[in-house]
Amino acid sequence: MNKKQGNKVNLPRKLRPNHNYTVAQEEIKLLDYLITDALKEKSRTTVKQLLHDRFISVNGTATTKFDLELKKGDKVTLHALPLPTELSSCSIVLIRIVRVISLWQRVVSFKKR
């Protein structure tokens, strides 16, 4: 058995549970909270990478902001898989425009045949 693994069972990511933490201090920045309380065993670089890759949510909302102010009672969750990015209304409109253009190009090319 590998020394690093010890008695740990390595589950596939989608089967790993989410880890939930509740903030006990009055006010603290998210990165400071993760490094000092929630993820003490992880390095600062690893914690910042988890934030960047959207593995962290605060009160159910994914965040990449390391300087987010937490209040007492906030729920911080470390997810097993990265959370999807949210689409803004502008993104949705752009997707629709691209679909219409694509459909129009197919119609035009079909008429040329």
C-alpha atoms as a PDB file:
ATOM      1  CA  MET A   1       0.000   0.000   0.000  1.00  0.00           C
ATOM      2  CA  ASN A   2       1.208   3.493  -0.823  1.00  0.00           C
ATOM      3  CA  LYS A   3       2.473   5.417   2.249  1.00  0.00           C
ATOM      4  CA  LYS A   4       0.606   8.569   1.278  1.00  0.00           C
ATOM      5  CA  GLN A   5      -2.730   6.798   1.010  1.00  0.00           C
ATOM      6  CA  GLY A   6      -2.598   5.012   4.366  1.00  0.00           C
ATOM      7  CA  ASN A   7      -6.024   3.554   5.099  1.00  0.00           C
ATOM      8  CA  LYS A   8      -7.867   6.024   2.881  1.00  0.00           C
ATOM      9  CA  VAL A   9     -10.240   4.674   0.254  1.00  0.00           C
ATOM     10  CA  ASN A  10      -9.922   6.554  -3.017  1.00  0.00           C
ATOM     11  CA  LEU A  11     -13.383   7.017  -4.474  1.00  0.00           C
ATOM     12  CA  PRO A  12     -14.076   8.388  -7.931  1.00  0.00           C
ATOM     13  CA  ARG A  13     -14.744  12.120  -7.780  1.00  0.00           C
ATOM     14  CA  LYS A  14     -18.458  11.857  -8.538  1.00  0.00           C
ATOM     15  CA  LEU A  15     -18.898   9.524  -5.541  1.00  0.00           C
ATOM     16  CA  ARG A  16     -16.977  11.675  -3.073  1.00  0.00           C
ATOM     17  CA  PRO A  17     -19.149  13.583  -0.628  1.00  0.00           C
ATOM     18  CA  ASN A  18     -19.218  17.369  -0.407  1.00  0.00           C
ATOM     19  CA  HIS A  19     -17.645  18.828   2.730  1.00  0.00           C
ATOM     20  CA  ASN A  20     -19.717  21.457   4.535  1.00  0.00           C
ATOM     21  CA  TYR A  21     -18.345  24.013   6.986  1.00  0.00           C
ATOM     22  CA  THR A  22     -20.122  26.661   9.064  1.00  0.00           C
ATOM     23  CA  VAL A  23     -18.353  29.923   9.845  1.00  0.00           C
ATOM     24  CA  ALA A  24     -18.088  30.462  13.627  1.00  0.00           C
ATOM     25  CA  GLN A  25     -16.246  33.817  13.595  1.00  0.00           C
ATOM     26  CA  GLU A  26     -17.883  37.213  13.213  1.00  0.00           C
ATOM     27  CA  GLU A  27     -16.135  38.431  10.041  1.00  0.00           C
ATOM     28  CA  ILE A  28     -13.320  36.816   8.068  1.00  0.00           C
ATOM     29  CA  LYS A  29     -12.250  36.715   4.438  1.00  0.00           C
ATOM     30  CA  LEU A  30     -12.963  33.475   2.579  1.00  0.00           C
ATOM     31  CA  LEU A  31      -9.330  32.622   1.807  1.00  0.00           C
ATOM     32  CA  ASP A  32      -8.268  33.221   5.408  1.00  0.00           C
ATOM     33  CA  TYR A  33     -11.140  31.041   6.664  1.00  0.00           C
ATOM     34  CA  LEU A  34     -10.289  28.197   4.290  1.00  0.00           C
ATOM     35  CA  ILE A  35      -6.584  28.241   5.165  1.00  0.00           C
ATOM     36  CA  THR A  36      -6.968  28.583   8.949  1.00  0.00           C
ATOM     37  CA  ASP A  37     -10.144  26.593   9.659  1.00  0.00           C
ATOM     38  CA  ALA A  38     -11.758  24.556   6.903  1.00  0.00           C
ATOM     39  CA  LEU A  39      -8.825  23.285   4.823  1.00  0.00           C
ATOM     40  CA  LYS A  40      -5.881  23.499   7.237  1.00  0.00           C
ATOM     41  CA  GLU A  41      -4.124  20.548   5.605  1.00  0.00           C
ATOM     42  CA  LYS A  42      -4.103  22.205   2.147  1.00  0.00           C
ATOM     43  CA  SER A  43      -1.554  24.746   0.982  1.00  0.00           C
ATOM     44  CA  ARG A  44      -2.509  28.327   0.137  1.00  0.00           C
ATOM     45  CA  THR A  45      -1.827  27.621  -3.549  1.00  0.00           C
ATOM     46  CA  THR A  46      -4.111  24.569  -3.527  1.00  0.00           C
ATOM     47  CA  VAL A  47      -6.908  26.510  -1.825  1.00  0.00           C
ATOM     48  CA  LYS A  48      -6.635  29.360  -4.355  1.00  0.00           C
ATOM     49  CA  GLN A  49      -6.738  26.796  -7.191  1.00  0.00           C
ATOM     50  CA  LEU A  50      -9.895  25.220  -5.701  1.00  0.00           C
ATOM     51  CA  LEU A  51     -11.489  28.680  -5.665  1.00  0.00           C
ATOM     52  CA  HIS A  52     -10.358  29.439  -9.205  1.00  0.00           C
ATOM     53  CA  ASP A  53     -11.729  26.121 -10.497  1.00  0.00           C
ATOM     54  CA  ARG A  54     -15.153  26.677  -8.811  1.00  0.00           C
ATOM     55  CA  PHE A  55     -14.974  23.864  -6.229  1.00  0.00           C
ATOM     56  CA  ILE A  56     -16.063  26.225  -3.411  1.00  0.00           C
ATOM     57  CA  SER A  57     -19.525  27.649  -2.750  1.00  0.00           C
ATOM     58  CA  VAL A  58     -20.760  30.021  -0.054  1.00  0.00           C
ATOM     59  CA  ASN A  59     -24.396  29.702   1.008  1.00  0.00           C
ATOM     60  CA  GLY A  60     -25.098  27.607  -2.091  1.00  0.00           C
ATOM     61  CA  THR A  61     -23.575  30.036  -4.616  1.00  0.00           C
ATOM     62  CA  ALA A  62     -20.332  29.178  -6.403  1.00  0.00           C
ATOM     63  CA  THR A  63     -17.602  31.746  -5.894  1.00  0.00           C
ATOM     64  CA  THR A  64     -14.094  32.424  -7.143  1.00  0.00           C
ATOM     65  CA  LYS A  65     -13.560  35.516  -4.960  1.00  0.00           C
ATOM     66  CA  PHE A  66     -10.857  34.806  -2.388  1.00  0.00           C
ATOM     67  CA  ASP A  67     -11.508  38.114  -0.585  1.00  0.00           C
ATOM     68  CA  LEU A  68     -15.246  37.521  -0.063  1.00  0.00           C
ATOM     69  CA  GLU A  69     -16.297  38.615   3.436  1.00  0.00           C
ATOM     70  CA  LEU A  70     -17.878  35.794   5.445  1.00  0.00           C
ATOM     71  CA  LYS A  71     -20.219  36.368   8.371  1.00  0.00           C
ATOM     72  CA  LYS A  72     -20.980  34.142  11.332  1.00  0.00           C
ATOM     73  CA  GLY A  73     -23.280  31.310  10.260  1.00  0.00           C
ATOM     74  CA  ASP A  74     -22.338  31.327   6.544  1.00  0.00           C
ATOM     75  CA  LYS A  75     -22.163  27.868   4.973  1.00  0.00           C
ATOM     76  CA  VAL A  76     -19.011  27.080   2.990  1.00  0.00           C
ATOM     77  CA  THR A  77     -19.008  23.921   0.873  1.00  0.00           C
ATOM     78  CA  LEU A  78     -16.104  22.130  -0.811  1.00  0.00           C
ATOM     79  CA  HIS A  79     -17.593  20.218  -3.752  1.00  0.00           C
ATOM     80  CA  ALA A  80     -16.239  16.985  -5.199  1.00  0.00           C
ATOM     81  CA  LEU A  81     -16.691  18.313  -8.749  1.00  0.00           C
ATOM     82  CA  PRO A  82     -16.336  21.876 -10.044  1.00  0.00           C
ATOM     83  CA  LEU A  83     -19.571  23.844 -10.206  1.00  0.00           C
ATOM     84  CA  PRO A  84     -20.766  24.992 -13.633  1.00  0.00           C
ATOM     85  CA  THR A  85     -20.451  28.623 -14.608  1.00  0.00           C
ATOM     86  CA  GLU A  86     -23.667  30.586 -14.654  1.00  0.00           C
ATOM     87  CA  LEU A  87     -24.892  32.078 -17.889  1.00  0.00           C
ATOM     88  CA  SER A  88     -25.855  35.735 -17.919  1.00  0.00           C
ATOM     89  CA  SER A  89     -28.780  36.997 -19.952  1.00  0.00           C
ATOM     90  CA  CYS A  90     -26.295  38.433 -22.476  1.00  0.00           C
ATOM     91  CA  SER A  91     -24.726  34.994 -22.912  1.00  0.00           C
ATOM     92  CA  ILE A  92     -28.130  33.429 -23.512  1.00  0.00           C
ATOM     93  CA  VAL A  93     -29.026  36.053 -26.131  1.00  0.00           C
ATOM     94  CA  LEU A  94     -25.683  35.494 -27.861  1.00  0.00           C
ATOM     95  CA  ILE A  95     -26.244  31.716 -27.925  1.00  0.00           C
ATOM     96  CA  ARG A  96     -29.679  32.244 -29.498  1.00  0.00           C
ATOM     97  CA  ILE A  97     -28.251  34.588 -32.140  1.00  0.00           C
ATOM     98  CA  VAL A  98     -25.559  32.066 -33.049  1.00  0.00           C
ATOM     99  CA  ARG A  99     -28.198  29.325 -33.367  1.00  0.00           C
ATOM    100  CA  VAL A 100     -30.361  31.511 -35.640  1.00  0.00           C
ATOM    101  CA  ILE A 101     -27.365  32.382 -37.840  1.00  0.00           C
ATOM    102  CA  SER A 102     -26.394  28.717 -38.047  1.00  0.00           C
ATOM    103  CA  LEU A 103     -29.941  27.736 -39.005  1.00  0.00           C
ATOM    104  CA  TRP A 104     -30.101  30.557 -41.582  1.00  0.00           C
ATOM    105  CA  GLN A 105     -26.814  29.396 -43.154  1.00  0.00           C
ATOM    106  CA  ARG A 106     -28.223  25.862 -43.496  1.00  0.00           C
ATOM    107  CA  VAL A 107     -31.395  27.193 -45.155  1.00  0.00           C
ATOM    108  CA  VAL A 108     -29.397  29.343 -47.579  1.00  0.00           C
ATOM    109  CA  SER A 109     -27.029  26.476 -48.495  1.00  0.00           C
ATOM    110  CA  PHE A 110     -30.018  24.133 -48.969  1.00  0.00           C
ATOM    111  CA  LYS A 111     -31.715  26.599 -51.370  1.00  0.00           C
ATOM    112  CA  LYS A 112     -28.531  26.851 -53.466  1.00  0.00           C
ATOM    113  CA  ARG A 113     -28.631  23.140 -54.260  1.00  0.00           C
END
